[in-house]
């Protein structure tokens, strides 16, 4: 767990099947102690992956991917409160989504129908 990062991505569930991205955050797990619960209250941000042509050492025909955050997209998109516990006995990370607050309005009524996707990196699974 010392080298892993938890990625929390919040989206708005759309009844027509097109879910809208609200924001995401990442929490480094290196300070998480085994069998001890820790709460994190973190800001969600919009992070946009931009494909840029590779320069220098890139292989022929391939492009490098870099994350670029534009100024107008760096605004806070809400907050998420999560509780984390690493169970050394089970070898598992227990994640509790306690609350999301001040989320960006995604629906016409000024609210959103949020859900959270959780993943860790580095991992054998891709994002």
Protein backbone atom coordinates (compact mmCIF):
# COMPACT_ATOMS: atom_id res chain seq x y z
CA UNK A 1 0.00 0.00 0.00
CA UNK A 2 2.98 2.30 0.49
CA UNK A 3 3.28 3.07 -3.22
CA UNK A 4 -0.38 3.05 -4.17
CA UNK A 5 -2.71 5.94 -4.84
CA UNK A 6 -6.48 5.86 -4.51
CA UNK A 7 -8.41 7.52 -7.33
CA UNK A 8 -11.96 8.72 -6.59
CA UNK A 9 -13.98 9.79 -9.61
CA UNK A 10 -17.46 11.28 -9.16
CA UNK A 11 -20.00 11.33 -12.00
CA UNK A 12 -23.65 12.26 -12.42
CA UNK A 13 -25.93 9.37 -13.34
CA UNK A 14 -28.03 10.25 -16.36
CA UNK A 15 -31.25 8.35 -17.01
CA UNK A 16 -30.48 8.37 -20.73
CA UNK A 17 -27.26 6.41 -20.22
CA UNK A 18 -24.75 9.22 -20.72
CA UNK A 19 -23.14 9.77 -17.32
CA UNK A 20 -21.48 13.16 -16.86
CA UNK A 21 -18.10 13.56 -15.17
CA UNK A 22 -18.21 15.90 -12.14
CA UNK A 23 -14.68 15.68 -10.76
CA UNK A 24 -11.97 13.50 -9.30
CA UNK A 25 -9.26 13.43 -6.70
CA UNK A 26 -6.37 11.18 -5.74
CA UNK A 27 -5.22 10.20 -2.26
CA UNK A 28 -1.71 8.82 -1.64
CA UNK A 29 -1.94 5.80 0.66
CA UNK A 30 1.63 5.94 1.99
CA UNK A 31 0.58 7.59 5.28
CA UNK A 32 -2.23 5.12 5.95
CA UNK A 33 -1.35 2.90 8.91
CA UNK A 34 -2.52 -0.70 9.06
CA UNK A 35 -5.76 -1.36 10.96
CA UNK A 36 -6.31 2.33 11.68
CA UNK A 37 -9.20 4.28 10.15
CA UNK A 38 -8.37 7.68 8.68
CA UNK A 39 -10.82 10.24 7.25
CA UNK A 40 -9.97 12.37 4.23
CA UNK A 41 -11.95 15.43 3.18
CA UNK A 42 -10.69 16.42 -0.25
CA UNK A 43 -11.66 18.71 -3.11
CA UNK A 44 -12.81 17.32 -6.43
CA UNK A 45 -11.26 18.83 -9.52
CA UNK A 46 -11.84 18.47 -13.21
CA UNK A 47 -8.80 16.79 -14.73
CA UNK A 48 -8.67 16.59 -18.50
CA UNK A 49 -6.26 14.29 -20.31
CA UNK A 50 -4.93 15.95 -23.41
CA UNK A 51 -3.17 14.01 -26.14
CA UNK A 52 0.01 15.78 -27.20
CA UNK A 53 2.35 14.78 -29.96
CA UNK A 54 5.45 13.15 -28.52
CA UNK A 55 8.72 15.00 -28.67
CA UNK A 56 12.24 13.85 -28.16
CA UNK A 57 12.33 10.20 -27.14
CA UNK A 58 8.91 9.11 -28.32
CA UNK A 59 8.73 6.09 -30.57
CA UNK A 60 7.82 6.59 -34.22
CA UNK A 61 4.08 6.66 -34.78
CA UNK A 62 3.27 6.92 -31.08
CA UNK A 63 2.13 9.87 -29.01
CA UNK A 64 2.80 10.74 -25.40
CA UNK A 65 -0.12 11.42 -23.09
CA UNK A 66 0.16 14.19 -20.55
CA UNK A 67 -2.34 15.59 -18.10
CA UNK A 68 -2.98 19.25 -18.66
CA UNK A 69 -5.30 21.28 -16.49
CA UNK A 70 -6.53 24.53 -17.97
CA UNK A 71 -7.06 27.47 -15.61
CA UNK A 72 -10.84 27.59 -16.03
CA UNK A 73 -11.08 23.84 -15.37
CA UNK A 74 -9.14 23.89 -12.09
CA UNK A 75 -12.08 25.22 -10.07
CA UNK A 76 -13.38 23.17 -7.19
CA UNK A 77 -16.16 20.83 -8.31
CA UNK A 78 -17.25 19.82 -4.79
CA UNK A 79 -15.83 17.89 -1.87
CA UNK A 80 -15.78 14.22 -0.91
CA UNK A 81 -15.33 12.75 2.57
CA UNK A 82 -13.98 9.20 2.63
CA UNK A 83 -12.86 6.89 5.42
CA UNK A 84 -9.99 4.51 4.71
CA UNK A 85 -8.77 1.49 6.64
CA UNK A 86 -6.14 -0.98 5.49
CA UNK A 87 -6.86 -4.40 7.00
CA UNK A 88 -3.51 -6.17 7.24
CA UNK A 89 -5.25 -9.37 8.31
CA UNK A 90 -7.34 -9.52 5.13
CA UNK A 91 -4.85 -7.66 2.94
CA UNK A 92 -7.60 -5.30 1.80
CA UNK A 93 -8.30 -1.60 1.70
CA UNK A 94 -11.71 -0.72 3.12
CA UNK A 95 -13.12 2.46 1.58
CA UNK A 96 -16.20 4.24 2.90
CA UNK A 97 -17.70 7.13 0.97
CA UNK A 98 -19.16 9.16 3.83
CA UNK A 99 -20.43 12.21 2.00
CA UNK A 100 -20.15 14.39 -1.07
CA UNK A 101 -20.94 18.09 -0.68
CA UNK A 102 -21.17 21.20 -2.84
CA UNK A 103 -21.10 19.14 -6.03
CA UNK A 104 -21.28 20.94 -9.35
CA UNK A 105 -24.88 21.03 -10.60
CA UNK A 106 -25.20 18.72 -13.59
CA UNK A 107 -28.98 18.40 -13.96
CA UNK A 108 -31.44 21.07 -15.09
CA UNK A 109 -32.90 21.16 -11.56
CA UNK A 110 -29.57 22.41 -10.16
CA UNK A 111 -28.61 19.12 -8.52
CA UNK A 112 -26.84 15.95 -9.53
CA UNK A 113 -27.33 12.21 -9.03
CA UNK A 114 -23.77 11.30 -8.05
CA UNK A 115 -21.98 7.99 -7.94
CA UNK A 116 -18.32 7.30 -7.13
CA UNK A 117 -15.84 5.07 -8.98
CA UNK A 118 -12.87 3.94 -6.89
CA UNK A 119 -9.60 2.46 -8.15
CA UNK A 120 -5.98 2.14 -7.07
CA UNK A 121 -2.73 2.64 -8.96
CA UNK A 122 -0.22 1.28 -9.65
CA UNK A 123 -2.22 -1.83 -10.27
CA UNK A 124 -2.48 -4.71 -12.69
CA UNK A 125 -5.75 -3.12 -13.79
CA UNK A 126 -5.85 0.00 -15.94
CA UNK A 127 -7.91 3.10 -15.10
